[in-house]
Structure formats: C-alpha cells, structure tokens
C-alpha cells in the first residue's frame, strides 16, 4: 500500500454483507464486500456510500463479527476502476 494513497474511513454498514471464495492462482481466497455509509462533514455536506472489500484472513475475521448496522473503522487505500460503457 502506497503511503500517498492511505485513507481512514468510519461509518455504518448498510445492506447485505457478501462473503465468498474466489479462485486465484489455483488457490481459494476469502473475499468479503460491505457497503459503508459515511457521515457528512463541513467539506462534504451529503452522506456518501463507499464499497469496502476485505481479502484473506481479514475477510474471514470480518465475516465472523460484522453485521448490518455495525459501525467500523477502516484503514486502507482507494482503488478506482473504469466500468465498460453500453457498447463494451
């Protein structure tokens, strides 16, 4: 994780928690996805949602303890991807 791309988020889990195993390099890797609602600040007056993804051991630990409505604090990095448009 790059020191220039370090974020700290605190919020409440909304929606369903998705847990599954993905196959990577011939091994199963635990994968957990939650949606975190982040309260507004003076700079950003609206409430925003952020998808948070856990992998490996952290995914297993989080799945055992988290539920909808849990308030969590996350230290990680932001990663953006482009989605294909209608035409591919």
N, C-alpha and C. Protein backbone atom coordinates (compact mmCIF):
# COMPACT_ATOMS: atom_id res chain seq x y z
N UNK A 1 0.85 -1.17 0.00
CA UNK A 1 0.00 0.00 0.00
C UNK A 1 0.90 1.23 0.00
N UNK A 2 0.66 2.12 -0.91
CA UNK A 2 1.43 3.34 -1.02
C UNK A 2 1.07 4.31 0.10
N UNK A 3 2.04 4.95 0.67
CA UNK A 3 1.80 5.91 1.75
C UNK A 3 1.03 7.13 1.24
N UNK A 4 1.09 7.39 -0.08
CA UNK A 4 0.38 8.53 -0.63
C UNK A 4 -1.08 8.21 -0.92
N UNK A 5 -1.48 6.95 -0.79
CA UNK A 5 -2.85 6.55 -1.03
C UNK A 5 -3.38 5.83 0.21
N UNK A 6 -3.38 6.54 1.32
CA UNK A 6 -3.80 5.98 2.59
C UNK A 6 -5.05 6.72 3.06
N UNK A 7 -6.12 5.96 3.35
CA UNK A 7 -7.37 6.59 3.81
C UNK A 7 -7.84 5.93 5.10
N UNK A 8 -8.57 6.69 5.88
CA UNK A 8 -9.21 6.20 7.09
C UNK A 8 -10.69 6.50 6.96
N UNK A 9 -11.54 5.49 7.10
CA UNK A 9 -12.98 5.66 6.98
C UNK A 9 -13.66 5.13 8.23
N UNK A 10 -14.69 5.82 8.66
CA UNK A 10 -15.52 5.33 9.75
C UNK A 10 -16.96 5.50 9.33
N UNK A 11 -17.75 4.44 9.50
CA UNK A 11 -19.15 4.52 9.11
C UNK A 11 -19.90 3.28 9.51
N UNK A 12 -21.17 3.24 9.12
CA UNK A 12 -22.05 2.13 9.44
C UNK A 12 -22.26 1.25 8.22
N UNK A 13 -22.27 -0.06 8.44
CA UNK A 13 -22.51 -1.00 7.35
C UNK A 13 -23.99 -0.99 7.01
N UNK A 14 -24.30 -0.81 5.74
CA UNK A 14 -25.68 -0.88 5.27
C UNK A 14 -25.77 -1.97 4.23
N UNK A 15 -26.94 -2.48 4.03
CA UNK A 15 -27.12 -3.52 3.04
C UNK A 15 -26.56 -4.86 3.50
N UNK A 16 -26.56 -5.79 2.57
CA UNK A 16 -26.10 -7.14 2.87
C UNK A 16 -24.58 -7.21 2.84
N UNK A 17 -24.06 -8.16 3.60
CA UNK A 17 -22.63 -8.45 3.61
C UNK A 17 -22.42 -9.64 2.70
N UNK A 18 -21.56 -9.50 1.70
CA UNK A 18 -21.34 -10.56 0.72
C UNK A 18 -20.00 -11.23 1.01
N UNK A 19 -20.05 -12.54 1.28
CA UNK A 19 -18.84 -13.32 1.55
C UNK A 19 -18.79 -14.49 0.58
N UNK A 20 -17.61 -14.73 0.02
CA UNK A 20 -17.45 -15.84 -0.91
C UNK A 20 -15.97 -16.18 -1.01
N UNK A 21 -15.67 -17.24 -1.72
CA UNK A 21 -14.29 -17.61 -2.03
C UNK A 21 -14.05 -17.37 -3.50
N UNK A 22 -12.93 -16.75 -3.84
CA UNK A 22 -12.57 -16.58 -5.24
C UNK A 22 -11.35 -17.42 -5.53
N UNK A 23 -11.23 -17.88 -6.75
CA UNK A 23 -10.08 -18.69 -7.16
C UNK A 23 -9.03 -17.78 -7.78
N UNK A 24 -7.84 -17.82 -7.21
CA UNK A 24 -6.74 -17.04 -7.74
C UNK A 24 -5.46 -17.87 -7.66
N UNK A 25 -4.77 -18.00 -8.76
CA UNK A 25 -3.53 -18.79 -8.84
C UNK A 25 -3.72 -20.20 -8.30
N UNK A 26 -4.88 -20.78 -8.56
CA UNK A 26 -5.15 -22.14 -8.15
C UNK A 26 -5.51 -22.32 -6.68
N UNK A 27 -5.65 -21.22 -5.94
CA UNK A 27 -5.98 -21.28 -4.52
C UNK A 27 -7.29 -20.55 -4.27
N UNK A 28 -7.98 -20.92 -3.20
CA UNK A 28 -9.19 -20.21 -2.79
C UNK A 28 -8.81 -19.06 -1.87
N UNK A 29 -9.35 -17.89 -2.15
CA UNK A 29 -9.07 -16.71 -1.35
C UNK A 29 -10.39 -16.16 -0.82
N UNK A 30 -10.55 -16.06 0.51
CA UNK A 30 -11.78 -15.48 1.07
C UNK A 30 -11.92 -14.02 0.64
N UNK A 31 -13.16 -13.63 0.40
CA UNK A 31 -13.47 -12.31 -0.14
C UNK A 31 -14.74 -11.81 0.57
N UNK A 32 -14.71 -10.60 1.09
CA UNK A 32 -15.87 -10.03 1.78
C UNK A 32 -16.10 -8.61 1.27
N UNK A 33 -17.37 -8.28 0.96
CA UNK A 33 -17.70 -6.93 0.48
C UNK A 33 -18.83 -6.37 1.32
N UNK A 34 -18.66 -5.13 1.79
CA UNK A 34 -19.70 -4.43 2.55
C UNK A 34 -19.84 -3.02 1.98
N UNK A 35 -20.97 -2.41 2.25
CA UNK A 35 -21.17 -1.01 1.88
C UNK A 35 -21.21 -0.19 3.15
N UNK A 36 -20.39 0.85 3.17
CA UNK A 36 -20.20 1.70 4.33
C UNK A 36 -20.78 3.07 4.05
N UNK A 37 -21.69 3.54 4.90
CA UNK A 37 -22.24 4.88 4.75
C UNK A 37 -21.43 5.83 5.64
N UNK A 38 -20.93 6.88 5.03
CA UNK A 38 -20.04 7.81 5.72
C UNK A 38 -20.79 9.11 5.97
N UNK A 39 -20.78 9.57 7.22
CA UNK A 39 -21.47 10.81 7.58
C UNK A 39 -20.85 12.01 6.89
N UNK A 40 -21.64 13.06 6.80
CA UNK A 40 -21.17 14.27 6.14
C UNK A 40 -20.20 15.04 7.04
N UNK A 41 -19.42 15.90 6.40
CA UNK A 41 -18.53 16.82 7.10
C UNK A 41 -18.81 18.21 6.55
N UNK A 42 -18.08 19.18 7.05
CA UNK A 42 -18.27 20.54 6.54
C UNK A 42 -17.89 20.63 5.07
N UNK A 43 -16.87 19.85 4.65
CA UNK A 43 -16.42 19.88 3.25
C UNK A 43 -17.37 19.12 2.33
N UNK A 44 -17.97 18.05 2.82
CA UNK A 44 -18.90 17.24 2.02
C UNK A 44 -20.22 17.13 2.77
N UNK A 45 -21.18 17.98 2.46
CA UNK A 45 -22.41 18.04 3.25
C UNK A 45 -23.34 16.84 3.12
N UNK A 46 -23.19 16.00 2.09
CA UNK A 46 -24.10 14.87 1.93
C UNK A 46 -23.48 13.59 2.49
N UNK A 47 -24.32 12.61 2.73
CA UNK A 47 -23.86 11.30 3.18
C UNK A 47 -23.46 10.51 1.95
N UNK A 48 -22.35 9.81 2.03
CA UNK A 48 -21.83 9.07 0.88
C UNK A 48 -21.68 7.60 1.22
N UNK A 49 -21.85 6.77 0.21
CA UNK A 49 -21.64 5.34 0.37
C UNK A 49 -20.31 4.94 -0.24
N UNK A 50 -19.63 4.00 0.39
CA UNK A 50 -18.35 3.52 -0.11
C UNK A 50 -18.31 2.00 -0.01
N UNK A 51 -17.96 1.35 -1.08
CA UNK A 51 -17.81 -0.11 -1.05
C UNK A 51 -16.45 -0.43 -0.44
N UNK A 52 -16.45 -1.34 0.54
CA UNK A 52 -15.22 -1.76 1.21
C UNK A 52 -15.05 -3.26 0.98
N UNK A 53 -13.85 -3.67 0.58
CA UNK A 53 -13.57 -5.06 0.28
C UNK A 53 -12.43 -5.55 1.17
N UNK A 54 -12.63 -6.74 1.74
CA UNK A 54 -11.61 -7.40 2.55
C UNK A 54 -11.19 -8.68 1.83
N UNK A 55 -9.92 -9.06 1.96
CA UNK A 55 -9.42 -10.29 1.37
C UNK A 55 -8.68 -11.11 2.42
N UNK A 56 -8.63 -12.43 2.20
CA UNK A 56 -7.83 -13.31 3.03
C UNK A 56 -8.32 -13.44 4.46
N UNK A 57 -7.37 -13.49 5.38
CA UNK A 57 -7.69 -13.66 6.80
C UNK A 57 -8.58 -12.55 7.33
N UNK A 58 -8.36 -11.33 6.89
CA UNK A 58 -9.20 -10.21 7.35
C UNK A 58 -10.65 -10.40 6.92
N UNK A 59 -10.87 -10.98 5.75
CA UNK A 59 -12.23 -11.27 5.29
C UNK A 59 -12.90 -12.29 6.19
N UNK A 60 -12.17 -13.33 6.58
CA UNK A 60 -12.71 -14.36 7.47
C UNK A 60 -13.07 -13.77 8.83
N UNK A 61 -12.17 -12.95 9.39
CA UNK A 61 -12.42 -12.35 10.70
C UNK A 61 -13.59 -11.38 10.65
N UNK A 62 -13.64 -10.57 9.61
CA UNK A 62 -14.72 -9.59 9.48
C UNK A 62 -16.07 -10.28 9.32
N UNK A 63 -16.12 -11.35 8.52
CA UNK A 63 -17.38 -12.06 8.28
C UNK A 63 -17.93 -12.67 9.57
N UNK A 64 -17.04 -13.08 10.46
CA UNK A 64 -17.47 -13.69 11.72
C UNK A 64 -18.04 -12.67 12.70
N UNK A 65 -17.66 -11.40 12.57
CA UNK A 65 -18.02 -10.41 13.58
C UNK A 65 -18.94 -9.29 13.11
N UNK A 66 -19.03 -9.07 11.80
CA UNK A 66 -19.79 -7.92 11.30
C UNK A 66 -21.21 -8.30 10.94
N UNK A 67 -22.10 -7.34 11.06
CA UNK A 67 -23.48 -7.50 10.62
C UNK A 67 -23.99 -6.13 10.18
N UNK A 68 -25.15 -6.13 9.54
CA UNK A 68 -25.73 -4.87 9.09
C UNK A 68 -25.93 -3.96 10.30
N UNK A 69 -25.53 -2.70 10.18
CA UNK A 69 -25.66 -1.74 11.26
C UNK A 69 -24.40 -1.59 12.09
N UNK A 70 -23.41 -2.49 11.91
CA UNK A 70 -22.15 -2.38 12.65
C UNK A 70 -21.43 -1.11 12.24
N UNK A 71 -20.85 -0.44 13.21
CA UNK A 71 -20.01 0.73 12.91
C UNK A 71 -18.57 0.26 12.91
N UNK A 72 -17.86 0.55 11.82
CA UNK A 72 -16.48 0.10 11.70
C UNK A 72 -15.56 1.25 11.33
N UNK A 73 -14.28 1.05 11.61
CA UNK A 73 -13.21 1.97 11.25
C UNK A 73 -12.28 1.21 10.33
N UNK A 74 -12.02 1.74 9.14
CA UNK A 74 -11.22 1.05 8.13
C UNK A 74 -10.01 1.88 7.78
N UNK A 75 -8.85 1.23 7.73
CA UNK A 75 -7.62 1.85 7.24
C UNK A 75 -7.26 1.10 5.97
N UNK A 76 -7.09 1.81 4.86
CA UNK A 76 -6.79 1.13 3.61
C UNK A 76 -6.39 2.11 2.52
N UNK A 77 -6.67 1.72 1.28
CA UNK A 77 -6.37 2.59 0.14
C UNK A 77 -7.56 2.60 -0.80
N UNK A 78 -7.64 3.63 -1.59
CA UNK A 78 -8.71 3.78 -2.58
C UNK A 78 -8.22 3.25 -3.91
N UNK A 79 -9.07 2.46 -4.56
CA UNK A 79 -8.75 1.94 -5.89
C UNK A 79 -9.96 2.18 -6.77
N UNK A 80 -9.75 2.80 -7.92
CA UNK A 80 -10.84 3.06 -8.85
C UNK A 80 -10.66 2.23 -10.10
N UNK A 81 -11.80 1.84 -10.66
CA UNK A 81 -11.78 1.09 -11.93
C UNK A 81 -12.77 1.72 -12.88
N UNK A 82 -12.50 1.63 -14.16
CA UNK A 82 -13.43 2.10 -15.16
C UNK A 82 -14.38 0.98 -15.49
N UNK A 83 -15.66 1.30 -15.58
CA UNK A 83 -16.66 0.32 -16.00
C UNK A 83 -16.88 0.47 -17.49
N UNK A 84 -17.07 -0.63 -18.20
CA UNK A 84 -17.32 -0.51 -19.64
C UNK A 84 -18.66 0.18 -19.89
N UNK A 85 -18.72 0.94 -20.98
CA UNK A 85 -19.98 1.59 -21.32
C UNK A 85 -20.93 0.59 -21.98
N UNK A 86 -22.05 1.06 -22.46
CA UNK A 86 -23.06 0.19 -23.08
C UNK A 86 -22.50 -0.61 -24.25
N UNK A 87 -21.53 -0.06 -24.93
CA UNK A 87 -21.02 -0.68 -26.15
C UNK A 87 -19.77 -1.52 -25.89
N UNK A 88 -19.48 -1.80 -24.62
CA UNK A 88 -18.34 -2.67 -24.31
C UNK A 88 -17.12 -1.92 -23.90
